[in-house]
Amino acid sequence: MPLTMLKSGEEKSIKKVGGKEETRQFLAKLGLFPGSHVTVVNEIGGNVIVNIKESRVAVSREMAAKIMV
């Protein structure tokens, strides 16, 4: 299921990251790649706030929809 379906506080492992190569590379630089664990913190103004490796990152809802957990 896509990252956008998780509720606040839920933690899951990333299974697959879709989209164009440049999008996947950008997300990988943020720490969002298959095998990493991500926790949804909140959703504000169309952005999904996630905890990844002790950091908080905001990704757009469109990008979050390409991250499968």
Protein backbone atom coordinates (compact mmCIF):
# COMPACT_ATOMS: atom_id res chain seq x y z
CA MET A 1 0.00 0.00 0.00
CA PRO A 2 1.20 3.58 -0.56
CA LEU A 3 2.72 5.68 2.23
CA THR A 4 -0.27 8.03 2.03
CA MET A 5 -2.51 5.29 3.50
CA LEU A 6 -0.63 5.12 6.83
CA LYS A 7 -2.05 6.82 9.90
CA SER A 8 -0.02 9.11 12.15
CA GLY A 9 2.34 7.09 14.35
CA GLU A 10 2.38 3.99 12.13
CA GLU A 11 5.79 2.56 11.26
CA LYS A 12 6.41 0.40 8.19
CA SER A 13 9.27 -0.80 6.06
CA ILE A 14 9.53 0.60 2.53
CA LYS A 15 9.02 -2.17 -0.04
CA LYS A 16 9.30 -0.24 -3.33
CA VAL A 17 9.77 3.31 -4.61
CA GLY A 18 8.18 4.09 -7.97
CA GLY A 19 8.35 7.03 -10.33
CA LYS A 20 11.03 8.40 -12.60
CA GLU A 21 14.70 7.66 -11.93
CA GLU A 22 15.39 11.23 -10.80
CA THR A 23 12.49 11.02 -8.32
CA ARG A 24 13.78 7.73 -6.91
CA GLN A 25 17.29 9.19 -6.55
CA PHE A 26 15.94 12.28 -4.78
CA LEU A 27 13.95 10.16 -2.32
CA ALA A 28 16.96 7.87 -1.76
CA LYS A 29 19.07 10.90 -0.79
CA LEU A 30 16.42 11.70 1.84
CA GLY A 31 16.73 8.13 3.16
CA LEU A 32 13.51 6.85 1.56
CA PHE A 33 14.58 3.64 -0.20
CA PRO A 34 13.52 -0.03 -0.07
CA GLY A 35 14.38 -1.66 3.25
CA SER A 36 14.37 1.51 5.34
CA HIS A 37 11.83 2.03 8.13
CA VAL A 38 9.58 5.07 8.02
CA THR A 39 7.09 6.48 10.55
CA VAL A 40 4.34 8.90 9.53
CA VAL A 41 4.30 11.88 11.89
CA ASN A 42 1.56 14.05 10.38
CA GLU A 43 -0.03 15.32 7.20
CA ILE A 44 -0.06 19.07 6.77
CA GLY A 45 -1.24 21.04 3.75
CA GLY A 46 -0.92 18.14 1.33
CA ASN A 47 2.57 17.21 2.57
CA VAL A 48 3.32 14.02 4.47
CA ILE A 49 5.75 14.48 7.38
CA VAL A 50 7.75 11.31 8.12
CA ASN A 51 10.47 10.24 10.53
CA ILE A 52 13.34 8.51 8.76
CA LYS A 53 16.65 7.71 10.48
CA GLU A 54 16.14 10.17 13.35
CA SER A 55 15.20 12.99 10.93
CA ARG A 56 11.88 14.49 9.94
CA VAL A 57 11.26 14.90 6.23
CA ALA A 58 8.29 16.39 4.38
CA VAL A 59 7.36 14.90 1.01
CA SER A 60 4.51 15.94 -1.23
CA ARG A 61 1.43 13.75 -1.33
CA GLU A 62 2.25 12.88 -4.97
CA MET A 63 5.73 11.61 -4.04
CA ALA A 64 4.38 9.80 -0.96
CA ALA A 65 1.91 7.96 -3.20
CA LYS A 66 4.88 6.46 -5.11
CA ILE A 67 6.40 4.98 -1.94
CA MET A 68 5.00 1.50 -1.25
CA VAL A 69 5.18 0.08 2.28
